[in-house]
Protein backbone atom coordinates (compact mmCIF):
# COMPACT_ATOMS: atom_id res chain seq x y z
CA MET A 1 -62.34 55.17 4.89
CA ASP A 2 -64.21 51.87 5.27
CA ASN A 3 -67.03 52.85 2.93
CA ARG A 4 -64.72 54.37 0.26
CA ILE A 5 -61.76 51.96 0.06
CA THR A 6 -62.21 48.30 -0.77
CA VAL A 7 -59.95 45.27 -1.06
CA ASP A 8 -61.34 42.51 -3.24
CA PRO A 9 -59.17 39.66 -4.58
CA LYS A 10 -61.23 39.75 -7.80
CA ILE A 11 -60.47 43.43 -8.48
CA CYS A 12 -56.95 44.66 -9.33
CA HIS A 13 -55.40 41.50 -7.83
CA GLY A 14 -56.61 42.45 -4.36
CA GLN A 15 -55.00 45.88 -4.27
CA ALA A 16 -56.81 48.51 -2.23
CA CYS A 17 -59.03 50.50 -4.63
CA ILE A 18 -61.54 53.28 -4.47
CA LYS A 19 -64.87 51.52 -4.04
CA GLY A 20 -66.83 51.08 -7.25
CA THR A 21 -63.75 51.70 -9.42
CA ARG A 22 -60.63 49.92 -10.49
CA ILE A 23 -58.49 52.84 -9.37
CA PRO A 24 -55.89 51.67 -6.84
CA VAL A 25 -55.14 53.78 -3.80
CA HIS A 26 -51.43 53.71 -4.66
CA GLN A 27 -52.15 55.30 -8.05
CA ILE A 28 -53.94 58.26 -6.47
CA LEU A 29 -51.19 58.76 -3.89
CA ARG A 30 -48.41 58.43 -6.46
CA MET A 31 -50.05 61.01 -8.73
CA LEU A 32 -50.29 63.46 -5.85
CA ALA A 33 -46.72 62.71 -4.74
CA ASN A 34 -45.53 63.46 -8.28
CA GLY A 35 -47.06 66.92 -8.25
CA ASP A 36 -50.57 66.45 -9.58
CA THR A 37 -53.15 68.52 -7.75
CA ILE A 38 -56.31 67.12 -6.25
CA GLU A 39 -58.29 69.33 -8.63
CA ALA A 40 -56.48 67.89 -11.67
CA LEU A 41 -56.96 64.37 -10.39
CA LEU A 42 -60.70 64.93 -9.92
CA ARG A 43 -60.94 66.26 -13.50
CA GLU A 44 -58.99 63.25 -14.83
CA TYR A 45 -61.16 60.77 -12.93
CA PRO A 46 -64.75 62.09 -12.84
CA SER A 47 -65.92 59.06 -10.84
CA VAL A 48 -63.57 60.01 -7.97
CA GLN A 49 -64.77 62.45 -5.33
CA LEU A 50 -62.75 64.54 -2.89
CA GLU A 51 -63.86 62.23 -0.08
CA ASP A 52 -62.31 59.30 -1.98
CA VAL A 53 -58.95 61.08 -2.15
CA LEU A 54 -59.12 61.87 1.56
CA ALA A 55 -59.93 58.21 2.23
CA CYS A 56 -56.77 57.27 0.28
CA PHE A 57 -54.74 59.49 2.63
CA ASP A 58 -56.45 57.90 5.63
CA TYR A 59 -55.75 54.40 4.29
CA ALA A 60 -52.07 55.23 3.75
CA ALA A 61 -51.81 56.74 7.23
CA SER A 62 -53.30 53.57 8.72
CA LEU A 63 -50.68 51.46 6.96
CA ALA A 64 -47.86 53.76 8.05
CA GLU A 65 -48.78 53.53 11.72
CA GLU A 66 -48.90 49.71 11.79
CA GLN A 67 -45.12 49.32 12.08
CA VAL A 68 -43.25 50.95 14.93
CA THR A 69 -39.49 51.18 14.54
CA PRO A 70 -37.57 52.21 17.66
CA LEU A 71 -35.59 55.39 17.02
CA GLU A 72 -32.39 53.78 18.27
CA LEU A 73 -32.50 51.34 15.36
CA LEU A 74 -32.78 54.19 12.87
CA SER A 75 -29.87 56.16 14.33
CA GLY A 76 -27.58 53.14 14.73
CA ASP A 77 -27.29 53.60 18.53
CA ALA A 78 -28.55 50.10 19.24
């Protein structure tokens, strides 16, 4: 992930982007979440490689595991 995803305050207002592009990680993930296939995405963005898409998944997974919410708080048992 480190060599494919970059955060630079001068590019896309500091949003995480695929390195060497101005394509934000959130855009790739949103397209996939809305039903686009990886194959269609790679055709739409020829500068993006499969490894870049996988790095976007890895980046999102890293963000998701940063916050731990105790299950009791989610179920209202606290």
